[in-house]
């Protein structure tokens, strides 16, 4: 038995030229800056209510003064809060839930703590978190795309007149009832990413 090789000419595949890649890294004299801080404890008041607000601002970073010496402008990229329940196995406390979501009317300078469920009924991308849970729950604040830059001077990214299009706008606002009075139910961690530019 004889093997016959095909005499058909091999077709050469044309190599496709690579499309030019757009760099995902910041330009010169710019930087993405990420930090994590303990946001404190979420505790019920004497009426068994948990009401809180969490917000991003460059001034929350322990390196704020160093950043100001290096860069002149800042804008928010992302803000995420992790809520860790610490009473889920405690049978002597009342378990309940709170609602948390984004409020773009406030910022860290202008916030007002919620006083009822009416204050949280229209939050953007709201979530309900239960104290009986055993795992940390991560909630990301809604951040508008293409924010304008504001000054890195302390508090300038959260002006007294809230600007939803620049700096560090918005807050995560939460409210819940039915908890045991004066009891810490959650630990809070805040993870912030900001875009710095204008190196001095």
N, C-alpha and C. Protein backbone atom coordinates (compact mmCIF):
# COMPACT_ATOMS: atom_id res chain seq x y z
N UNK A 1 0.85 -1.18 0.00
CA UNK A 1 0.00 0.00 0.00
C UNK A 1 0.88 1.23 0.00
N UNK A 2 0.58 2.14 -0.90
CA UNK A 2 1.42 3.33 -1.04
C UNK A 2 0.66 4.55 -0.54
N UNK A 3 1.42 5.43 0.09
CA UNK A 3 0.85 6.70 0.56
C UNK A 3 1.14 7.77 -0.46
N UNK A 4 0.12 8.46 -0.85
CA UNK A 4 0.29 9.56 -1.80
C UNK A 4 0.10 10.89 -1.08
N UNK A 5 1.08 11.74 -1.15
CA UNK A 5 0.98 13.06 -0.54
C UNK A 5 0.22 13.99 -1.46
N UNK A 6 -0.56 14.82 -0.88
CA UNK A 6 -1.34 15.77 -1.67
C UNK A 6 -0.41 16.74 -2.38
N UNK A 7 -0.73 17.01 -3.59
CA UNK A 7 0.10 17.95 -4.36
C UNK A 7 -0.50 19.35 -4.37
N UNK A 8 -1.58 19.52 -3.61
CA UNK A 8 -2.21 20.85 -3.56
C UNK A 8 -1.29 21.82 -2.86
N UNK A 9 -1.11 22.99 -3.43
CA UNK A 9 -0.24 23.97 -2.78
C UNK A 9 -0.84 24.44 -1.46
N UNK A 10 0.02 24.60 -0.49
CA UNK A 10 -0.45 25.05 0.82
C UNK A 10 -0.81 26.53 0.75
N UNK A 11 -1.97 26.81 1.29
CA UNK A 11 -2.38 28.22 1.31
C UNK A 11 -1.77 28.89 2.53
N UNK A 12 -1.16 30.00 2.29
CA UNK A 12 -0.54 30.73 3.38
C UNK A 12 -1.57 31.64 4.05
N UNK A 13 -1.62 31.52 5.35
CA UNK A 13 -2.56 32.37 6.09
C UNK A 13 -1.90 33.72 6.34
N UNK A 14 -2.64 34.72 6.04
CA UNK A 14 -2.11 36.06 6.25
C UNK A 14 -2.18 36.43 7.73
N UNK A 15 -1.09 36.93 8.21
CA UNK A 15 -1.07 37.36 9.59
C UNK A 15 -1.76 38.72 9.71
N UNK A 16 -2.71 38.73 10.60
CA UNK A 16 -3.43 39.98 10.81
C UNK A 16 -2.57 40.94 11.62
N UNK A 17 -2.53 42.15 11.17
CA UNK A 17 -1.76 43.15 11.91
C UNK A 17 -2.42 43.47 13.23
N UNK A 18 -1.63 43.66 14.22
CA UNK A 18 -2.16 43.98 15.54
C UNK A 18 -2.66 45.42 15.58
N UNK A 19 -3.82 45.56 16.19
CA UNK A 19 -4.36 46.90 16.34
C UNK A 19 -3.57 47.63 17.42
N UNK A 20 -3.38 48.90 17.23
CA UNK A 20 -2.63 49.66 18.24
C UNK A 20 -3.34 49.62 19.59
N UNK A 21 -2.59 49.33 20.63
CA UNK A 21 -3.16 49.23 21.97
C UNK A 21 -3.18 50.59 22.65
N UNK A 22 -4.29 50.87 23.30
CA UNK A 22 -4.39 52.10 24.08
C UNK A 22 -3.99 51.77 25.50
N UNK A 23 -3.04 52.50 26.01
CA UNK A 23 -2.53 52.22 27.35
C UNK A 23 -3.62 52.43 28.39
N UNK A 24 -3.70 51.47 29.33
CA UNK A 24 -4.67 51.58 30.41
C UNK A 24 -4.06 52.23 31.65
N UNK A 25 -2.80 52.56 31.56
CA UNK A 25 -2.15 53.21 32.69
C UNK A 25 -2.28 54.72 32.56
N UNK A 26 -2.24 55.44 33.69
CA UNK A 26 -2.37 56.90 33.61
C UNK A 26 -1.21 57.53 32.84
N UNK A 27 -1.42 58.72 32.39
CA UNK A 27 -0.38 59.47 31.71
C UNK A 27 0.68 59.88 32.71
N UNK A 28 1.78 60.42 32.20
CA UNK A 28 2.82 60.92 33.08
C UNK A 28 2.25 61.98 34.02
N UNK A 29 2.79 62.01 35.22
CA UNK A 29 2.36 62.96 36.24
C UNK A 29 0.93 62.72 36.72
N UNK A 30 0.45 61.49 36.53
CA UNK A 30 -0.86 61.09 37.05
C UNK A 30 -0.71 59.76 37.80
N UNK A 31 -1.70 59.46 38.66
CA UNK A 31 -1.61 58.22 39.44
C UNK A 31 -2.99 57.80 39.93
N UNK A 32 -3.22 56.48 39.93
CA UNK A 32 -4.39 55.95 40.63
C UNK A 32 -3.96 55.59 42.04
N UNK A 33 -4.75 56.01 43.00
CA UNK A 33 -4.39 55.86 44.40
C UNK A 33 -5.50 55.12 45.14
N UNK A 34 -5.14 54.00 45.77
CA UNK A 34 -6.12 53.16 46.48
C UNK A 34 -5.72 53.04 47.94
N UNK A 35 -6.71 53.15 48.83
CA UNK A 35 -6.44 52.93 50.25
C UNK A 35 -7.67 52.35 50.94
N UNK A 36 -7.41 51.69 52.08
CA UNK A 36 -8.47 51.08 52.87
C UNK A 36 -8.41 51.62 54.29
N UNK A 37 -9.56 51.96 54.85
CA UNK A 37 -9.62 52.44 56.23
C UNK A 37 -10.75 51.72 56.96
N UNK A 38 -10.61 51.65 58.27
CA UNK A 38 -11.70 51.15 59.10
C UNK A 38 -12.74 52.25 59.22
N UNK A 39 -13.96 51.93 58.82
CA UNK A 39 -15.02 52.93 58.87
C UNK A 39 -15.68 53.03 60.23
N UNK A 40 -15.27 52.16 61.16
CA UNK A 40 -15.89 52.19 62.48
C UNK A 40 -16.94 51.12 62.64
N UNK A 41 -17.64 51.16 63.77
CA UNK A 41 -18.67 50.18 64.07
C UNK A 41 -20.05 50.72 63.73
N UNK A 42 -20.93 49.83 63.28
CA UNK A 42 -22.34 50.19 63.09
C UNK A 42 -23.10 49.66 64.30
N UNK A 43 -23.56 50.57 65.13
CA UNK A 43 -24.23 50.20 66.37
C UNK A 43 -25.63 50.79 66.41
N UNK A 44 -26.53 50.11 67.05
CA UNK A 44 -27.89 50.61 67.24
C UNK A 44 -27.90 51.66 68.34
N UNK A 45 -28.86 52.58 68.24
CA UNK A 45 -29.01 53.58 69.30
C UNK A 45 -29.95 53.05 70.39
N UNK A 46 -30.33 53.89 71.30
CA UNK A 46 -31.17 53.46 72.43
C UNK A 46 -32.57 53.01 71.99
N UNK A 47 -32.95 53.38 70.76
CA UNK A 47 -34.25 52.95 70.23
C UNK A 47 -34.14 51.73 69.32
N UNK A 48 -32.93 51.15 69.23
CA UNK A 48 -32.75 49.97 68.38
C UNK A 48 -32.68 50.29 66.91
N UNK A 49 -32.24 51.51 66.57
CA UNK A 49 -32.14 51.96 65.17
C UNK A 49 -30.67 52.07 64.77
N UNK A 50 -30.36 51.57 63.59
CA UNK A 50 -29.04 51.80 62.98
C UNK A 50 -29.23 52.78 61.83
N UNK A 51 -28.59 53.94 61.91
CA UNK A 51 -28.67 54.96 60.87
C UNK A 51 -27.26 55.50 60.65
N UNK A 52 -26.80 55.51 59.40
CA UNK A 52 -25.41 55.90 59.14
C UNK A 52 -25.25 56.40 57.71
N UNK A 53 -24.11 57.02 57.47
CA UNK A 53 -23.71 57.40 56.11
C UNK A 53 -22.20 57.22 56.00
N UNK A 54 -21.75 56.76 54.85
CA UNK A 54 -20.33 56.54 54.59
C UNK A 54 -19.98 57.21 53.27
N UNK A 55 -18.88 57.96 53.25
CA UNK A 55 -18.57 58.74 52.06
C UNK A 55 -17.09 58.77 51.74
N UNK A 56 -16.75 58.93 50.46
CA UNK A 56 -15.35 59.03 50.06
C UNK A 56 -14.87 60.47 50.05
N UNK A 57 -13.64 60.67 50.43
CA UNK A 57 -12.98 61.97 50.30
C UNK A 57 -11.49 61.75 50.50
N UNK A 58 -10.68 62.51 49.80
CA UNK A 58 -9.23 62.38 49.92
C UNK A 58 -8.77 62.64 51.35
N UNK A 59 -9.48 63.49 52.07
CA UNK A 59 -9.07 63.83 53.43
C UNK A 59 -9.18 62.64 54.39
N UNK A 60 -9.85 61.55 53.98
CA UNK A 60 -9.96 60.37 54.83
C UNK A 60 -8.69 59.53 54.81
N UNK A 61 -7.81 59.80 53.87
CA UNK A 61 -6.56 59.05 53.77
C UNK A 61 -5.53 59.58 54.76
N UNK A 62 -4.78 58.67 55.36
CA UNK A 62 -3.72 59.09 56.28
C UNK A 62 -2.56 59.76 55.53
N UNK A 63 -2.52 59.60 54.20
CA UNK A 63 -1.48 60.22 53.38
C UNK A 63 -1.95 61.48 52.69
N UNK A 64 -3.02 62.06 53.19
CA UNK A 64 -3.62 63.24 52.57
C UNK A 64 -2.61 64.37 52.36
N UNK A 65 -1.85 64.70 53.40
CA UNK A 65 -0.90 65.81 53.30
C UNK A 65 0.21 65.52 52.29
N UNK A 66 0.63 64.26 52.22
CA UNK A 66 1.67 63.88 51.25
C UNK A 66 1.14 64.03 49.83
N UNK A 67 -0.10 63.57 49.61
CA UNK A 67 -0.73 63.68 48.29
C UNK A 67 -0.84 65.14 47.87
N UNK A 68 -1.21 66.01 48.79
CA UNK A 68 -1.36 67.43 48.47
C UNK A 68 -0.04 68.05 48.03
N UNK A 69 1.07 67.55 48.59
CA UNK A 69 2.38 68.06 48.21
C UNK A 69 2.83 67.59 46.83
N UNK A 70 2.19 66.51 46.33
CA UNK A 70 2.60 65.93 45.05
C UNK A 70 1.65 66.26 43.90
N UNK A 71 0.34 66.30 44.17
CA UNK A 71 -0.65 66.48 43.12
C UNK A 71 -1.62 67.61 43.48
N UNK A 72 -2.16 68.24 42.46
CA UNK A 72 -3.05 69.39 42.69
C UNK A 72 -4.52 69.07 42.40
N UNK A 73 -4.82 67.97 41.71
CA UNK A 73 -6.21 67.67 41.36
C UNK A 73 -6.55 66.21 41.66
N UNK A 74 -7.83 65.96 41.96
CA UNK A 74 -8.28 64.62 42.31
C UNK A 74 -9.73 64.41 41.86
N UNK A 75 -10.05 63.18 41.54
CA UNK A 75 -11.44 62.79 41.30
C UNK A 75 -11.62 61.34 41.73
N UNK A 76 -12.85 60.99 42.08
CA UNK A 76 -13.17 59.65 42.58
C UNK A 76 -13.29 58.66 41.42
N UNK A 77 -12.74 57.46 41.63
CA UNK A 77 -12.89 56.36 40.67
C UNK A 77 -13.89 55.33 41.21
N UNK A 78 -13.72 54.91 42.46
CA UNK A 78 -14.64 53.94 43.05
C UNK A 78 -14.62 54.04 44.57
N UNK A 79 -15.72 53.63 45.17
CA UNK A 79 -15.85 53.61 46.63
C UNK A 79 -16.68 52.40 47.01
N UNK A 80 -16.11 51.55 47.88
CA UNK A 80 -16.76 50.31 48.27
C UNK A 80 -16.65 50.14 49.79
N UNK A 81 -17.74 49.66 50.39
CA UNK A 81 -17.76 49.43 51.83
C UNK A 81 -18.10 47.97 52.09
N UNK A 82 -17.35 47.36 53.01
CA UNK A 82 -17.57 45.97 53.41
C UNK A 82 -18.15 45.96 54.82
N UNK A 83 -19.34 45.36 54.95
CA UNK A 83 -20.01 45.26 56.25
C UNK A 83 -19.87 43.83 56.76
N UNK A 84 -19.26 43.69 57.93
CA UNK A 84 -19.04 42.36 58.51
C UNK A 84 -19.91 42.20 59.75
N UNK A 85 -20.90 41.30 59.72
CA UNK A 85 -21.77 41.09 60.90
C UNK A 85 -21.00 40.39 62.01
N UNK A 86 -21.22 40.85 63.25
CA UNK A 86 -20.49 40.26 64.38
C UNK A 86 -21.43 39.70 65.46
N UNK A 87 -22.74 39.77 65.23
CA UNK A 87 -23.69 39.28 66.23
C UNK A 87 -24.53 38.10 65.71
N UNK A 88 -24.15 37.53 64.58
CA UNK A 88 -24.99 36.51 63.96
C UNK A 88 -25.16 35.26 64.82
N UNK A 89 -24.17 34.96 65.67
CA UNK A 89 -24.26 33.76 66.50
C UNK A 89 -24.70 34.06 67.93
N UNK A 90 -25.06 35.31 68.17
CA UNK A 90 -25.47 35.73 69.51
C UNK A 90 -26.98 35.59 69.66
N UNK A 91 -27.41 34.60 70.42
CA UNK A 91 -28.84 34.37 70.59
C UNK A 91 -29.51 35.31 71.56
N UNK A 92 -28.76 36.18 72.20
CA UNK A 92 -29.34 37.09 73.19
C UNK A 92 -29.67 38.46 72.61
N UNK A 93 -29.40 38.67 71.32
CA UNK A 93 -29.76 39.94 70.68
C UNK A 93 -30.81 39.70 69.61
N UNK A 94 -31.56 40.74 69.29
CA UNK A 94 -32.58 40.66 68.25
C UNK A 94 -31.92 40.89 66.90
N UNK A 95 -32.17 39.99 65.94
CA UNK A 95 -31.62 40.13 64.60
C UNK A 95 -32.59 40.93 63.72
N UNK A 96 -32.01 41.78 62.87
CA UNK A 96 -32.84 42.59 61.98
C UNK A 96 -32.06 42.90 60.71
N UNK A 97 -32.54 43.85 59.93
CA UNK A 97 -31.91 44.22 58.66
C UNK A 97 -31.82 45.73 58.52
N UNK A 98 -30.92 46.18 57.64
CA UNK A 98 -30.91 47.59 57.26
C UNK A 98 -30.82 47.71 55.75
N UNK A 99 -31.28 48.84 55.23
CA UNK A 99 -31.23 49.13 53.80
C UNK A 99 -30.08 50.11 53.56
N UNK A 100 -29.27 49.84 52.53
CA UNK A 100 -28.16 50.74 52.21
C UNK A 100 -28.10 50.94 50.69
N UNK A 101 -27.78 52.15 50.27
CA UNK A 101 -27.68 52.47 48.84
C UNK A 101 -27.04 53.82 48.64
N UNK A 102 -26.96 54.24 47.38
CA UNK A 102 -26.27 55.49 47.03
C UNK A 102 -27.22 56.68 47.02
N UNK A 103 -26.77 57.76 47.64
CA UNK A 103 -27.48 59.04 47.60
C UNK A 103 -26.53 60.07 46.98
N UNK A 104 -26.86 60.58 45.79
CA UNK A 104 -25.98 61.51 45.10
C UNK A 104 -26.22 62.97 45.47
N UNK A 105 -27.21 63.23 46.33
CA UNK A 105 -27.47 64.61 46.76
C UNK A 105 -26.45 65.05 47.79
N UNK A 106 -25.96 64.09 48.59
CA UNK A 106 -25.03 64.40 49.67
C UNK A 106 -23.58 64.16 49.26
N UNK A 107 -22.68 64.73 50.05
CA UNK A 107 -21.29 64.31 50.05
C UNK A 107 -20.81 64.34 51.50
N UNK A 108 -19.55 64.14 51.75
CA UNK A 108 -19.08 64.05 53.12
C UNK A 108 -19.28 65.34 53.91
N UNK A 109 -19.31 66.47 53.23
CA UNK A 109 -19.48 67.76 53.91
C UNK A 109 -20.93 68.06 54.21
N UNK A 110 -21.83 67.59 53.36
CA UNK A 110 -23.23 68.02 53.43
C UNK A 110 -24.20 66.94 53.88
N UNK A 111 -23.69 65.84 54.41
CA UNK A 111 -24.58 64.70 54.70
C UNK A 111 -25.50 64.96 55.89
N UNK A 112 -26.63 64.27 55.85
CA UNK A 112 -27.57 64.26 56.95
C UNK A 112 -27.94 62.80 57.23
N UNK A 113 -27.81 62.38 58.48
CA UNK A 113 -28.12 60.98 58.81
C UNK A 113 -29.60 60.71 58.56
N UNK A 114 -29.93 59.54 57.98
CA UNK A 114 -31.34 59.21 57.73
C UNK A 114 -32.10 59.08 59.05
N UNK A 115 -33.36 59.52 59.03
CA UNK A 115 -34.17 59.49 60.25
C UNK A 115 -35.34 58.53 60.16
N UNK A 116 -35.58 57.96 58.98
CA UNK A 116 -36.68 57.01 58.81
C UNK A 116 -36.47 56.23 57.51
N UNK A 117 -37.33 55.26 57.26
CA UNK A 117 -37.23 54.50 56.01
C UNK A 117 -37.53 55.38 54.80
N UNK A 118 -38.22 56.49 55.02
CA UNK A 118 -38.48 57.42 53.92
C UNK A 118 -37.17 57.97 53.36
N UNK A 119 -36.17 58.09 54.22
CA UNK A 119 -34.88 58.64 53.80
C UNK A 119 -34.09 57.69 52.90
N UNK A 120 -34.47 56.41 52.90
CA UNK A 120 -33.70 55.43 52.12
C UNK A 120 -34.56 54.72 51.07
N UNK A 121 -35.79 55.13 50.90
CA UNK A 121 -36.68 54.41 49.99
C UNK A 121 -36.34 54.62 48.51
N UNK A 122 -35.62 55.71 48.19
CA UNK A 122 -35.30 55.99 46.79
C UNK A 122 -33.81 55.96 46.50
N UNK A 123 -33.04 55.27 47.31
CA UNK A 123 -31.60 55.18 47.09
C UNK A 123 -31.30 54.40 45.81
N UNK A 124 -30.21 54.76 45.14
CA UNK A 124 -29.81 54.07 43.92
C UNK A 124 -29.15 52.74 44.28
N UNK A 125 -29.55 51.67 43.60
CA UNK A 125 -29.00 50.32 43.81
C UNK A 125 -28.97 49.95 45.29
N UNK A 126 -30.11 50.09 45.95
CA UNK A 126 -30.18 49.77 47.37
C UNK A 126 -30.14 48.26 47.61
N UNK A 127 -29.63 47.88 48.77
CA UNK A 127 -29.56 46.48 49.17
C UNK A 127 -30.03 46.35 50.60
N UNK A 128 -30.55 45.17 50.92
CA UNK A 128 -30.94 44.86 52.29
C UNK A 128 -29.92 43.90 52.88
N UNK A 129 -29.37 44.27 54.04
CA UNK A 129 -28.34 43.46 54.68
C UNK A 129 -28.84 43.00 56.04
N UNK A 130 -28.69 41.72 56.32
CA UNK A 130 -29.19 41.13 57.57
C UNK A 130 -28.06 40.93 58.57
N UNK A 131 -28.35 41.22 59.82
CA UNK A 131 -27.35 41.04 60.87
C UNK A 131 -27.12 39.56 61.19
N UNK A 132 -28.03 38.69 60.75
CA UNK A 132 -27.89 37.26 61.03
C UNK A 132 -26.92 36.59 60.06
N UNK A 133 -26.47 37.33 59.03
CA UNK A 133 -25.52 36.77 58.08
C UNK A 133 -24.18 36.44 58.73
N UNK A 134 -23.43 35.54 58.12
CA UNK A 134 -22.14 35.14 58.68
C UNK A 134 -20.97 35.56 57.80
N UNK A 135 -21.25 36.11 56.64
CA UNK A 135 -20.18 36.53 55.73
C UNK A 135 -20.20 38.05 55.54
N UNK A 136 -19.03 38.64 55.29
CA UNK A 136 -18.98 40.07 54.97
C UNK A 136 -19.76 40.36 53.69
N UNK A 137 -20.40 41.51 53.66
CA UNK A 137 -21.17 41.93 52.48
C UNK A 137 -20.54 43.20 51.93
N UNK A 138 -20.21 43.18 50.64
CA UNK A 138 -19.57 44.31 49.98
C UNK A 138 -20.59 45.11 49.19
N UNK A 139 -20.61 46.42 49.38
CA UNK A 139 -21.54 47.30 48.67
C UNK A 139 -20.75 48.41 48.00
N UNK A 140 -20.90 48.54 46.69
CA UNK A 140 -20.20 49.58 45.94
C UNK A 140 -21.12 50.77 45.70
N UNK A 141 -20.61 51.96 45.95
CA UNK A 141 -21.37 53.17 45.69
C UNK A 141 -21.39 53.42 44.19
N UNK A 142 -22.49 53.94 43.70
CA UNK A 142 -22.59 54.29 42.28
C UNK A 142 -21.78 55.57 42.05
N UNK A 143 -20.82 55.50 41.13
CA UNK A 143 -19.97 56.65 40.82
C UNK A 143 -20.19 57.05 39.36
N UNK A 144 -20.60 58.28 39.09
CA UNK A 144 -20.80 58.72 37.71
C UNK A 144 -19.50 58.62 36.92
N UNK A 145 -19.60 58.26 35.64
CA UNK A 145 -18.41 58.18 34.81
C UNK A 145 -17.96 59.57 34.36
N UNK A 146 -16.67 59.71 34.16
CA UNK A 146 -16.13 60.95 33.62
C UNK A 146 -16.24 62.14 34.54
N UNK A 147 -16.06 61.94 35.83
CA UNK A 147 -16.11 63.06 36.77
C UNK A 147 -15.02 64.08 36.45
N UNK A 148 -15.30 65.34 36.72
CA UNK A 148 -14.29 66.38 36.58
C UNK A 148 -13.38 66.36 37.80
N UNK A 149 -12.19 66.91 37.64
CA UNK A 149 -11.24 66.99 38.75
C UNK A 149 -11.53 68.21 39.61
N UNK A 150 -11.23 68.07 40.92
CA UNK A 150 -11.26 69.20 41.84
C UNK A 150 -9.93 69.26 42.58
N UNK A 151 -9.72 70.31 43.33
CA UNK A 151 -8.46 70.50 44.03
C UNK A 151 -8.24 69.44 45.11
N UNK A 152 -6.96 69.11 45.35
CA UNK A 152 -6.61 68.18 46.42
C UNK A 152 -6.57 68.86 47.79
N UNK A 153 -6.75 70.17 47.84
CA UNK A 153 -6.77 70.86 49.13
C UNK A 153 -7.83 70.22 50.02
N UNK A 154 -7.56 70.12 51.30
CA UNK A 154 -8.42 69.40 52.23
C UNK A 154 -9.88 69.85 52.13
N UNK A 155 -10.75 68.90 51.83
CA UNK A 155 -12.18 69.18 51.74
C UNK A 155 -12.64 69.73 50.41
N UNK A 156 -11.74 70.03 49.49
CA UNK A 156 -12.14 70.63 48.22
C UNK A 156 -12.84 69.65 47.29
N UNK A 157 -12.59 68.35 47.47
CA UNK A 157 -13.27 67.37 46.61
C UNK A 157 -14.69 67.09 47.08
N UNK A 158 -15.07 67.64 48.25
CA UNK A 158 -16.44 67.51 48.76
C UNK A 158 -16.93 68.92 49.16
N UNK A 159 -17.22 69.77 48.18
CA UNK A 159 -17.57 71.17 48.47
C UNK A 159 -18.90 71.31 49.22
N UNK A 160 -19.09 72.46 49.85
CA UNK A 160 -20.30 72.69 50.64
C UNK A 160 -21.56 72.71 49.78
N UNK A 161 -21.41 73.04 48.51
CA UNK A 161 -22.52 72.89 47.55
C UNK A 161 -22.22 71.63 46.75
N UNK A 162 -22.93 70.52 47.01
CA UNK A 162 -22.61 69.24 46.36
C UNK A 162 -22.59 69.34 44.84
N UNK A 163 -21.57 68.75 44.24
CA UNK A 163 -21.44 68.72 42.79
C UNK A 163 -21.39 67.28 42.34
N UNK A 164 -22.47 66.77 41.73
CA UNK A 164 -22.50 65.35 41.34
C UNK A 164 -21.64 65.03 40.12
N UNK A 165 -20.95 66.05 39.56
CA UNK A 165 -20.17 65.83 38.34
C UNK A 165 -18.68 66.03 38.54
N UNK A 166 -18.23 66.21 39.78
CA UNK A 166 -16.81 66.49 40.00
C UNK A 166 -16.39 66.05 41.40
N UNK A 167 -15.09 65.80 41.54
CA UNK A 167 -14.54 65.50 42.87
C UNK A 167 -14.95 64.15 43.40
N UNK A 168 -15.50 64.16 44.61
CA UNK A 168 -15.92 62.92 45.28
C UNK A 168 -17.39 63.02 45.71
N UNK A 169 -18.30 62.94 44.76
CA UNK A 169 -19.72 63.11 45.09
C UNK A 169 -20.33 61.83 45.63
N UNK A 170 -21.47 61.98 46.33
CA UNK A 170 -22.26 60.83 46.74
C UNK A 170 -21.88 60.24 48.08
N UNK A 171 -22.82 59.43 48.61
CA UNK A 171 -22.63 58.74 49.87
C UNK A 171 -23.37 57.41 49.85
N UNK A 172 -22.91 56.48 50.66
CA UNK A 172 -23.70 55.29 50.96
C UNK A 172 -24.46 55.59 52.24
N UNK A 173 -25.78 55.48 52.20
CA UNK A 173 -26.64 55.82 53.32
C UNK A 173 -27.40 54.57 53.75
N UNK A 174 -27.49 54.34 55.06
CA UNK A 174 -28.16 53.15 55.56
C UNK A 174 -29.11 53.42 56.71
N UNK A 175 -30.15 52.60 56.80
CA UNK A 175 -31.13 52.76 57.88
C UNK A 175 -31.83 51.42 58.14
N UNK A 176 -32.00 51.09 59.43
CA UNK A 176 -32.72 49.88 59.80
C UNK A 176 -33.23 49.98 61.22
N UNK A 177 -34.30 49.24 61.53
CA UNK A 177 -34.91 49.26 62.85
C UNK A 177 -35.04 47.84 63.39
N UNK A 178 -35.46 47.75 64.63
CA UNK A 178 -35.75 46.45 65.22
C UNK A 178 -34.56 45.74 65.84
N UNK A 179 -33.46 46.45 66.03
CA UNK A 179 -32.27 45.86 66.65
C UNK A 179 -32.34 46.01 68.18
N UNK A 180 -31.57 45.19 68.87
CA UNK A 180 -31.41 45.38 70.30
C UNK A 180 -30.72 46.72 70.54
N UNK A 181 -31.20 47.46 71.52
CA UNK A 181 -30.68 48.81 71.77
C UNK A 181 -29.21 48.80 72.16
N UNK A 182 -28.51 49.85 71.70
CA UNK A 182 -27.12 50.12 72.12
C UNK A 182 -26.20 48.92 71.95
N UNK A 183 -26.23 48.34 70.75
CA UNK A 183 -25.44 47.14 70.47
C UNK A 183 -24.71 47.29 69.14
N UNK A 184 -23.44 46.93 69.12
CA UNK A 184 -22.67 46.96 67.87
C UNK A 184 -22.98 45.71 67.06
N UNK A 185 -23.41 45.90 65.81
CA UNK A 185 -23.82 44.78 64.97
C UNK A 185 -22.88 44.52 63.79
N UNK A 186 -22.19 45.55 63.30
CA UNK A 186 -21.35 45.38 62.11
C UNK A 186 -20.03 46.14 62.27
N UNK A 187 -18.99 45.58 61.66
CA UNK A 187 -17.74 46.29 61.44
C UNK A 187 -17.75 46.81 60.01
N UNK A 188 -17.11 47.93 59.78
CA UNK A 188 -17.15 48.54 58.45
C UNK A 188 -15.74 48.84 57.96
N UNK A 189 -15.46 48.45 56.71
CA UNK A 189 -14.22 48.80 56.04
C UNK A 189 -14.54 49.56 54.77
N UNK A 190 -13.77 50.61 54.49
CA UNK A 190 -13.99 51.43 53.31
C UNK A 190 -12.79 51.33 52.38
N UNK A 191 -13.05 51.02 51.10
CA UNK A 191 -11.99 50.91 50.09
C UNK A 191 -12.24 51.97 49.03
N UNK A 192 -11.29 52.87 48.86
CA UNK A 192 -11.44 54.02 47.96
C UNK A 192 -10.35 54.01 46.90
N UNK A 193 -10.72 54.32 45.65
CA UNK A 193 -9.76 54.50 44.57
C UNK A 193 -9.97 55.89 43.98
N UNK A 194 -8.89 56.66 43.87
CA UNK A 194 -8.98 58.01 43.31
C UNK A 194 -7.93 58.21 42.22
N UNK A 195 -8.22 59.16 41.36
CA UNK A 195 -7.33 59.50 40.24
C UNK A 195 -6.70 60.86 40.55
N UNK A 196 -5.38 60.87 40.64
CA UNK A 196 -4.64 62.10 40.94
C UNK A 196 -3.93 62.59 39.69
N UNK A 197 -3.82 63.90 39.53
CA UNK A 197 -3.07 64.43 38.39
C UNK A 197 -2.52 65.82 38.75
N UNK A 198 -1.66 66.32 37.84
CA UNK A 198 -1.07 67.64 38.05
C UNK A 198 0.04 67.62 39.07
N UNK A 199 1.04 66.75 38.83
CA UNK A 199 2.13 66.66 39.79
C UNK A 199 2.91 67.97 39.85
N UNK A 200 3.18 68.41 41.06
CA UNK A 200 3.84 69.70 41.25
C UNK A 200 5.36 69.55 41.13
